[in-house]
N, C-alpha and C. Protein backbone atom coordinates (compact mmCIF):
# COMPACT_ATOMS: atom_id res chain seq x y z
N UNK A 1 -163.76 59.34 -53.02
CA UNK A 1 -164.31 58.00 -52.95
C UNK A 1 -163.26 57.00 -52.47
N UNK A 2 -162.03 57.12 -53.01
CA UNK A 2 -160.96 56.21 -52.61
C UNK A 2 -160.64 56.34 -51.13
N UNK A 3 -160.67 57.58 -50.61
CA UNK A 3 -160.41 57.79 -49.18
C UNK A 3 -161.49 57.14 -48.34
N UNK A 4 -162.73 57.22 -48.79
CA UNK A 4 -163.84 56.62 -48.07
C UNK A 4 -163.68 55.10 -48.01
N UNK A 5 -163.34 54.47 -49.10
CA UNK A 5 -163.14 53.02 -49.15
C UNK A 5 -161.96 52.62 -48.26
N UNK A 6 -160.88 53.37 -48.33
CA UNK A 6 -159.72 53.10 -47.50
C UNK A 6 -160.07 53.21 -46.03
N UNK A 7 -160.86 54.22 -45.66
CA UNK A 7 -161.28 54.39 -44.28
C UNK A 7 -162.13 53.21 -43.83
N UNK A 8 -163.05 52.76 -44.66
CA UNK A 8 -163.88 51.61 -44.31
C UNK A 8 -163.04 50.35 -44.11
N UNK A 9 -162.08 50.11 -44.99
CA UNK A 9 -161.20 48.94 -44.87
C UNK A 9 -160.40 49.03 -43.58
N UNK A 10 -159.86 50.19 -43.28
CA UNK A 10 -159.07 50.39 -42.06
C UNK A 10 -159.91 50.17 -40.81
N UNK A 11 -161.11 50.74 -40.77
CA UNK A 11 -161.99 50.55 -39.62
C UNK A 11 -162.37 49.09 -39.44
N UNK A 12 -162.67 48.40 -40.52
CA UNK A 12 -163.00 46.98 -40.44
C UNK A 12 -161.81 46.18 -39.92
N UNK A 13 -160.63 46.48 -40.40
CA UNK A 13 -159.43 45.76 -39.99
C UNK A 13 -159.14 45.96 -38.51
N UNK A 14 -159.25 47.20 -38.03
CA UNK A 14 -159.00 47.49 -36.62
C UNK A 14 -160.04 46.80 -35.75
N UNK A 15 -161.30 46.87 -36.14
CA UNK A 15 -162.35 46.21 -35.38
C UNK A 15 -162.15 44.70 -35.36
N UNK A 16 -161.78 44.12 -36.49
CA UNK A 16 -161.54 42.69 -36.59
C UNK A 16 -160.37 42.28 -35.71
N UNK A 17 -159.29 43.05 -35.72
CA UNK A 17 -158.11 42.77 -34.91
C UNK A 17 -158.47 42.83 -33.43
N UNK A 18 -159.22 43.84 -33.00
CA UNK A 18 -159.60 43.96 -31.60
C UNK A 18 -160.44 42.78 -31.15
N UNK A 19 -161.35 42.34 -31.98
CA UNK A 19 -162.19 41.20 -31.63
C UNK A 19 -161.37 39.94 -31.50
N UNK A 20 -160.39 39.77 -32.36
CA UNK A 20 -159.57 38.57 -32.33
C UNK A 20 -158.67 38.54 -31.11
N UNK A 21 -158.18 39.67 -30.67
CA UNK A 21 -157.27 39.72 -29.54
C UNK A 21 -157.99 39.54 -28.21
N UNK A 22 -159.29 39.61 -28.18
CA UNK A 22 -160.01 39.54 -26.91
C UNK A 22 -160.48 38.12 -26.59
N UNK A 23 -160.09 37.11 -27.37
CA UNK A 23 -160.55 35.76 -27.11
C UNK A 23 -159.57 35.00 -26.23
N UNK A 24 -159.57 33.67 -26.32
CA UNK A 24 -158.79 32.82 -25.44
C UNK A 24 -157.35 32.59 -25.86
N UNK A 25 -156.91 33.14 -26.93
CA UNK A 25 -155.54 32.93 -27.40
C UNK A 25 -154.55 33.79 -26.64
N UNK A 26 -153.55 34.26 -27.35
CA UNK A 26 -152.53 35.10 -26.74
C UNK A 26 -153.13 36.40 -26.25
N UNK A 27 -152.79 36.77 -25.04
CA UNK A 27 -153.19 38.06 -24.48
C UNK A 27 -152.01 39.00 -24.69
N UNK A 28 -152.19 39.97 -25.58
CA UNK A 28 -151.12 40.89 -25.92
C UNK A 28 -151.02 42.02 -24.92
N UNK A 29 -149.80 42.32 -24.52
CA UNK A 29 -149.51 43.46 -23.65
C UNK A 29 -149.91 44.73 -24.37
N UNK A 30 -150.56 45.62 -23.66
CA UNK A 30 -150.99 46.88 -24.25
C UNK A 30 -150.05 47.97 -23.79
N UNK A 31 -149.09 48.27 -24.61
CA UNK A 31 -148.11 49.30 -24.30
C UNK A 31 -147.03 49.28 -25.35
N UNK A 32 -145.99 50.05 -25.10
CA UNK A 32 -144.89 50.15 -26.04
C UNK A 32 -143.90 49.00 -25.83
N UNK A 33 -142.98 48.88 -26.76
CA UNK A 33 -141.92 47.89 -26.62
C UNK A 33 -141.10 48.17 -25.37
N UNK A 34 -140.79 49.43 -25.10
CA UNK A 34 -140.02 49.77 -23.89
C UNK A 34 -140.77 49.36 -22.63
N UNK A 35 -142.07 49.57 -22.60
CA UNK A 35 -142.88 49.15 -21.45
C UNK A 35 -142.92 47.63 -21.34
N UNK A 36 -142.97 46.94 -22.47
CA UNK A 36 -142.94 45.47 -22.47
C UNK A 36 -141.60 44.97 -21.93
N UNK A 37 -140.51 45.63 -22.31
CA UNK A 37 -139.19 45.24 -21.81
C UNK A 37 -139.13 45.39 -20.29
N UNK A 38 -139.68 46.47 -19.77
CA UNK A 38 -139.70 46.70 -18.33
C UNK A 38 -140.48 45.59 -17.62
N UNK A 39 -141.63 45.25 -18.16
CA UNK A 39 -142.45 44.17 -17.59
C UNK A 39 -141.72 42.84 -17.69
N UNK A 40 -141.07 42.59 -18.82
CA UNK A 40 -140.34 41.34 -19.02
C UNK A 40 -139.19 41.21 -18.02
N UNK A 41 -138.49 42.30 -17.78
CA UNK A 41 -137.39 42.28 -16.80
C UNK A 41 -137.92 41.98 -15.39
N UNK A 42 -139.03 42.61 -15.02
CA UNK A 42 -139.63 42.39 -13.70
C UNK A 42 -140.08 40.95 -13.52
N UNK A 43 -140.61 40.34 -14.61
CA UNK A 43 -141.15 38.99 -14.53
C UNK A 43 -140.16 37.92 -14.98
N UNK A 44 -138.96 38.34 -15.38
CA UNK A 44 -137.92 37.42 -15.88
C UNK A 44 -138.45 36.53 -17.01
N UNK A 45 -139.06 37.19 -17.98
CA UNK A 45 -139.60 36.48 -19.13
C UNK A 45 -139.03 37.06 -20.41
N UNK A 46 -138.90 36.24 -21.46
CA UNK A 46 -138.56 36.79 -22.77
C UNK A 46 -139.81 37.45 -23.38
N UNK A 47 -139.61 38.06 -24.54
CA UNK A 47 -140.69 38.78 -25.21
C UNK A 47 -140.95 38.14 -26.58
N UNK A 48 -142.22 37.95 -26.89
CA UNK A 48 -142.63 37.57 -28.24
C UNK A 48 -143.29 38.78 -28.86
N UNK A 49 -142.82 39.17 -30.05
CA UNK A 49 -143.41 40.31 -30.77
C UNK A 49 -143.96 39.81 -32.10
N UNK A 50 -145.25 39.99 -32.28
CA UNK A 50 -145.90 39.66 -33.54
C UNK A 50 -145.86 40.91 -34.41
N UNK A 51 -144.97 40.92 -35.38
CA UNK A 51 -144.78 42.06 -36.29
C UNK A 51 -145.72 41.87 -37.47
N UNK A 52 -146.65 42.80 -37.65
CA UNK A 52 -147.72 42.61 -38.62
C UNK A 52 -148.06 43.90 -39.33
N UNK A 53 -148.93 43.75 -40.32
CA UNK A 53 -149.57 44.90 -40.95
C UNK A 53 -151.06 44.59 -41.02
N UNK A 54 -151.87 45.59 -41.27
CA UNK A 54 -153.32 45.36 -41.36
C UNK A 54 -153.71 44.77 -42.70
N UNK A 55 -152.87 44.91 -43.73
CA UNK A 55 -153.23 44.48 -45.07
C UNK A 55 -152.68 43.10 -45.44
N UNK A 56 -151.75 42.56 -44.68
CA UNK A 56 -151.07 41.32 -45.04
C UNK A 56 -151.93 40.09 -44.74
N UNK A 57 -152.10 39.23 -45.73
CA UNK A 57 -152.90 38.01 -45.57
C UNK A 57 -152.34 37.12 -44.47
N UNK A 58 -151.03 36.91 -44.45
CA UNK A 58 -150.41 36.04 -43.45
C UNK A 58 -150.62 36.56 -42.04
N UNK A 59 -150.54 37.87 -41.86
CA UNK A 59 -150.79 38.47 -40.55
C UNK A 59 -152.22 38.21 -40.10
N UNK A 60 -153.16 38.42 -41.01
CA UNK A 60 -154.57 38.19 -40.69
C UNK A 60 -154.83 36.72 -40.38
N UNK A 61 -154.23 35.83 -41.16
CA UNK A 61 -154.44 34.39 -40.96
C UNK A 61 -153.85 33.94 -39.62
N UNK A 62 -152.66 34.43 -39.28
CA UNK A 62 -152.06 34.09 -37.98
C UNK A 62 -152.96 34.58 -36.84
N UNK A 63 -153.48 35.81 -36.98
CA UNK A 63 -154.35 36.36 -35.94
C UNK A 63 -155.65 35.56 -35.79
N UNK A 64 -156.20 35.11 -36.88
CA UNK A 64 -157.48 34.41 -36.78
C UNK A 64 -157.35 32.92 -36.47
N UNK A 65 -156.28 32.28 -36.94
CA UNK A 65 -156.20 30.82 -36.82
C UNK A 65 -155.18 30.30 -35.82
N UNK A 66 -154.15 31.07 -35.53
CA UNK A 66 -153.07 30.55 -34.70
C UNK A 66 -152.98 31.29 -33.35
N UNK A 67 -152.90 32.59 -33.39
CA UNK A 67 -152.71 33.35 -32.16
C UNK A 67 -153.95 33.34 -31.26
N UNK A 68 -155.08 32.95 -31.80
CA UNK A 68 -156.31 32.85 -31.02
C UNK A 68 -156.54 31.44 -30.48
N UNK A 69 -155.65 30.52 -30.80
CA UNK A 69 -155.78 29.13 -30.37
C UNK A 69 -155.55 29.02 -28.86
N UNK A 70 -156.36 28.20 -28.18
CA UNK A 70 -156.25 28.04 -26.73
C UNK A 70 -154.89 27.48 -26.31
N UNK A 71 -154.38 26.50 -27.03
CA UNK A 71 -153.09 25.90 -26.70
C UNK A 71 -151.96 26.92 -26.86
N UNK A 72 -152.01 27.68 -27.93
CA UNK A 72 -151.03 28.74 -28.16
C UNK A 72 -151.10 29.77 -27.03
N UNK A 73 -152.31 30.19 -26.70
CA UNK A 73 -152.49 31.16 -25.62
C UNK A 73 -151.96 30.65 -24.29
N UNK A 74 -152.27 29.42 -23.95
CA UNK A 74 -151.80 28.85 -22.68
C UNK A 74 -150.27 28.86 -22.62
N UNK A 75 -149.62 28.45 -23.70
CA UNK A 75 -148.15 28.40 -23.71
C UNK A 75 -147.54 29.80 -23.67
N UNK A 76 -147.94 30.66 -24.60
CA UNK A 76 -147.31 31.97 -24.73
C UNK A 76 -147.66 32.90 -23.57
N UNK A 77 -148.87 32.83 -23.05
CA UNK A 77 -149.24 33.70 -21.94
C UNK A 77 -148.46 33.35 -20.67
N UNK A 78 -148.09 32.09 -20.52
CA UNK A 78 -147.31 31.67 -19.35
C UNK A 78 -145.83 31.98 -19.51
N UNK A 79 -145.29 31.79 -20.70
CA UNK A 79 -143.84 31.84 -20.92
C UNK A 79 -143.30 33.18 -21.39
N UNK A 80 -144.12 34.02 -22.01
CA UNK A 80 -143.66 35.24 -22.67
C UNK A 80 -144.48 36.46 -22.27
N UNK A 81 -143.86 37.62 -22.43
CA UNK A 81 -144.59 38.88 -22.52
C UNK A 81 -144.86 39.03 -24.01
N UNK A 82 -146.11 39.12 -24.40
CA UNK A 82 -146.51 39.12 -25.81
C UNK A 82 -146.91 40.52 -26.25
N UNK A 83 -146.42 40.89 -27.41
CA UNK A 83 -146.68 42.23 -27.94
C UNK A 83 -146.99 42.10 -29.42
N UNK A 84 -147.96 42.83 -29.90
CA UNK A 84 -148.23 42.89 -31.34
C UNK A 84 -147.99 44.33 -31.78
N UNK A 85 -147.28 44.47 -32.89
CA UNK A 85 -146.96 45.81 -33.38
C UNK A 85 -147.32 45.90 -34.86
N UNK A 86 -148.11 46.93 -35.18
CA UNK A 86 -148.38 47.26 -36.58
C UNK A 86 -147.12 47.95 -37.08
N UNK A 87 -146.43 47.34 -38.01
CA UNK A 87 -145.13 47.81 -38.44
C UNK A 87 -145.18 49.07 -39.30
N UNK A 88 -146.38 49.57 -39.57
CA UNK A 88 -146.52 50.78 -40.38
C UNK A 88 -147.02 51.97 -39.57
N UNK A 89 -147.19 51.79 -38.25
CA UNK A 89 -147.72 52.87 -37.42
C UNK A 89 -146.91 52.99 -36.13
N UNK A 90 -147.01 54.15 -35.52
CA UNK A 90 -146.39 54.36 -34.21
C UNK A 90 -144.93 53.97 -34.18
N UNK A 91 -144.58 53.10 -33.25
CA UNK A 91 -143.18 52.67 -33.12
C UNK A 91 -142.81 51.58 -34.12
N UNK A 92 -143.77 51.09 -34.89
CA UNK A 92 -143.53 50.01 -35.84
C UNK A 92 -142.37 50.22 -36.79
N UNK A 93 -142.31 51.35 -37.51
CA UNK A 93 -141.20 51.55 -38.44
C UNK A 93 -139.82 51.52 -37.76
N UNK A 94 -139.70 52.08 -36.56
CA UNK A 94 -138.40 52.05 -35.88
C UNK A 94 -138.07 50.65 -35.38
N UNK A 95 -139.08 49.89 -34.96
CA UNK A 95 -138.86 48.50 -34.55
C UNK A 95 -138.43 47.68 -35.76
N UNK A 96 -139.05 47.93 -36.91
CA UNK A 96 -138.68 47.22 -38.14
C UNK A 96 -137.22 47.45 -38.48
N UNK A 97 -136.76 48.68 -38.33
CA UNK A 97 -135.35 48.98 -38.61
C UNK A 97 -134.44 48.32 -37.59
N UNK A 98 -134.78 48.45 -36.31
CA UNK A 98 -133.95 47.89 -35.23
C UNK A 98 -133.75 46.39 -35.37
N UNK A 99 -134.81 45.66 -35.77
CA UNK A 99 -134.75 44.20 -35.84
C UNK A 99 -134.69 43.67 -37.27
N UNK A 100 -134.52 44.55 -38.23
CA UNK A 100 -134.40 44.18 -39.64
C UNK A 100 -135.60 43.37 -40.12
N UNK A 101 -136.78 43.87 -39.86
CA UNK A 101 -138.02 43.23 -40.28
C UNK A 101 -138.41 43.82 -41.63
N UNK A 102 -138.47 42.97 -42.66
CA UNK A 102 -138.76 43.47 -44.01
C UNK A 102 -139.92 42.76 -44.69
N UNK A 103 -140.51 41.76 -44.04
CA UNK A 103 -141.67 41.05 -44.59
C UNK A 103 -142.57 40.64 -43.43
N UNK A 104 -143.82 40.32 -43.76
CA UNK A 104 -144.82 40.06 -42.72
C UNK A 104 -145.62 38.80 -43.01
N UNK A 105 -146.10 38.17 -41.98
CA UNK A 105 -145.84 38.45 -40.58
C UNK A 105 -144.42 38.04 -40.21
N UNK A 106 -143.88 38.69 -39.19
CA UNK A 106 -142.55 38.34 -38.68
C UNK A 106 -142.73 37.98 -37.22
N UNK A 107 -142.23 36.83 -36.84
CA UNK A 107 -142.33 36.33 -35.47
C UNK A 107 -140.99 36.59 -34.80
N UNK A 108 -140.98 37.53 -33.87
CA UNK A 108 -139.74 37.99 -33.25
C UNK A 108 -139.70 37.58 -31.78
N UNK A 109 -138.63 36.93 -31.39
CA UNK A 109 -138.41 36.52 -30.01
C UNK A 109 -137.18 37.26 -29.50
N UNK A 110 -137.32 37.93 -28.34
CA UNK A 110 -136.19 38.63 -27.74
C UNK A 110 -136.05 38.20 -26.28
N UNK A 111 -134.88 38.50 -25.71
CA UNK A 111 -134.76 38.28 -24.27
C UNK A 111 -135.48 39.43 -23.57
N UNK A 112 -135.46 39.44 -22.25
CA UNK A 112 -136.22 40.44 -21.51
C UNK A 112 -135.72 41.87 -21.71
N UNK A 113 -134.47 42.02 -22.14
CA UNK A 113 -133.96 43.37 -22.39
C UNK A 113 -134.10 43.78 -23.86
N UNK A 114 -134.68 42.92 -24.69
CA UNK A 114 -134.96 43.27 -26.07
C UNK A 114 -133.94 42.80 -27.08
N UNK A 115 -132.94 42.03 -26.65
CA UNK A 115 -131.96 41.50 -27.61
C UNK A 115 -132.58 40.33 -28.38
N UNK A 116 -132.46 40.39 -29.70
CA UNK A 116 -133.08 39.38 -30.55
C UNK A 116 -132.50 37.98 -30.27
N UNK A 117 -133.40 37.03 -30.03
CA UNK A 117 -133.03 35.62 -29.86
C UNK A 117 -133.18 34.91 -31.20
N UNK A 118 -134.36 35.08 -31.80
CA UNK A 118 -134.62 34.50 -33.12
C UNK A 118 -135.82 35.19 -33.74
N UNK A 119 -135.93 35.04 -35.04
CA UNK A 119 -137.06 35.60 -35.76
C UNK A 119 -137.28 34.82 -37.04
N UNK A 120 -138.53 34.81 -37.49
CA UNK A 120 -138.83 34.13 -38.74
C UNK A 120 -140.04 34.78 -39.40
N UNK A 121 -140.07 34.66 -40.72
CA UNK A 121 -141.16 35.19 -41.52
C UNK A 121 -142.18 34.10 -41.79
N UNK A 122 -143.40 34.52 -41.98
CA UNK A 122 -144.39 33.63 -42.56
C UNK A 122 -145.44 33.08 -41.65
N UNK A 123 -146.37 32.48 -42.31
CA UNK A 123 -147.53 31.86 -41.69
C UNK A 123 -147.13 30.53 -41.08
N UNK A 124 -147.52 30.28 -39.83
CA UNK A 124 -147.19 29.04 -39.14
C UNK A 124 -148.45 28.32 -38.71
N UNK A 125 -148.33 27.01 -38.54
CA UNK A 125 -149.41 26.23 -37.93
C UNK A 125 -149.28 26.37 -36.41
N UNK A 126 -150.31 25.96 -35.69
CA UNK A 126 -150.28 25.99 -34.23
C UNK A 126 -149.06 25.21 -33.72
N UNK A 127 -148.86 24.01 -34.23
CA UNK A 127 -147.77 23.14 -33.76
C UNK A 127 -146.40 23.76 -34.02
N UNK A 128 -146.19 24.26 -35.23
CA UNK A 128 -144.88 24.85 -35.56
C UNK A 128 -144.64 26.14 -34.78
N UNK A 129 -145.69 26.90 -34.54
CA UNK A 129 -145.54 28.14 -33.80
C UNK A 129 -145.14 27.87 -32.35
N UNK A 130 -145.78 26.92 -31.72
CA UNK A 130 -145.42 26.55 -30.35
C UNK A 130 -143.99 26.02 -30.31
N UNK A 131 -143.62 25.22 -31.31
CA UNK A 131 -142.25 24.69 -31.38
C UNK A 131 -141.24 25.84 -31.48
N UNK A 132 -141.53 26.86 -32.25
CA UNK A 132 -140.63 28.02 -32.35
C UNK A 132 -140.51 28.71 -31.00
N UNK A 133 -141.63 28.81 -30.28
CA UNK A 133 -141.59 29.40 -28.94
C UNK A 133 -140.75 28.58 -27.98
N UNK A 134 -140.86 27.27 -28.08
CA UNK A 134 -140.04 26.38 -27.23
C UNK A 134 -138.56 26.51 -27.57
N UNK A 135 -138.25 26.57 -28.86
CA UNK A 135 -136.85 26.70 -29.30
C UNK A 135 -136.24 28.01 -28.80
N UNK A 136 -137.01 29.08 -28.86
CA UNK A 136 -136.51 30.38 -28.42
C UNK A 136 -136.21 30.36 -26.92
N UNK A 137 -136.99 29.63 -26.15
CA UNK A 137 -136.76 29.56 -24.70
C UNK A 137 -135.43 28.86 -24.38
N UNK A 138 -134.99 27.99 -25.25
CA UNK A 138 -133.75 27.24 -25.02
C UNK A 138 -132.51 28.07 -25.34
N UNK A 139 -132.67 29.16 -26.08
CA UNK A 139 -131.52 29.97 -26.51
C UNK A 139 -131.16 31.01 -25.48
């Protein structure tokens, strides 16, 4: 019974995440971090990585209220290669170790070769999130 409930929660979370990523906000690159670095180098752009989990309230809130915002999407889609990584699956655990990510959501900004520029934990408003993106561009 517990496995069935867990499966339902997981399927709902994945479906909800996919629906949120397909709107007018940030368009996330579909690939690995290494592939994102390659694209970033070609386009001379830094990388924004949204480090998340499926169970974290802050991650869900950022996905539904901030990352889907039109103003956020316009800014980040123009200035960054954007990537979202589930920190508990696939390359997530190794990325967490590499960038010392220990809480979620974690907003990670790197240069085009993947060197960390800045990072911060927690839920942000649209205005503060864009400001963090602007600050990272100056570094």
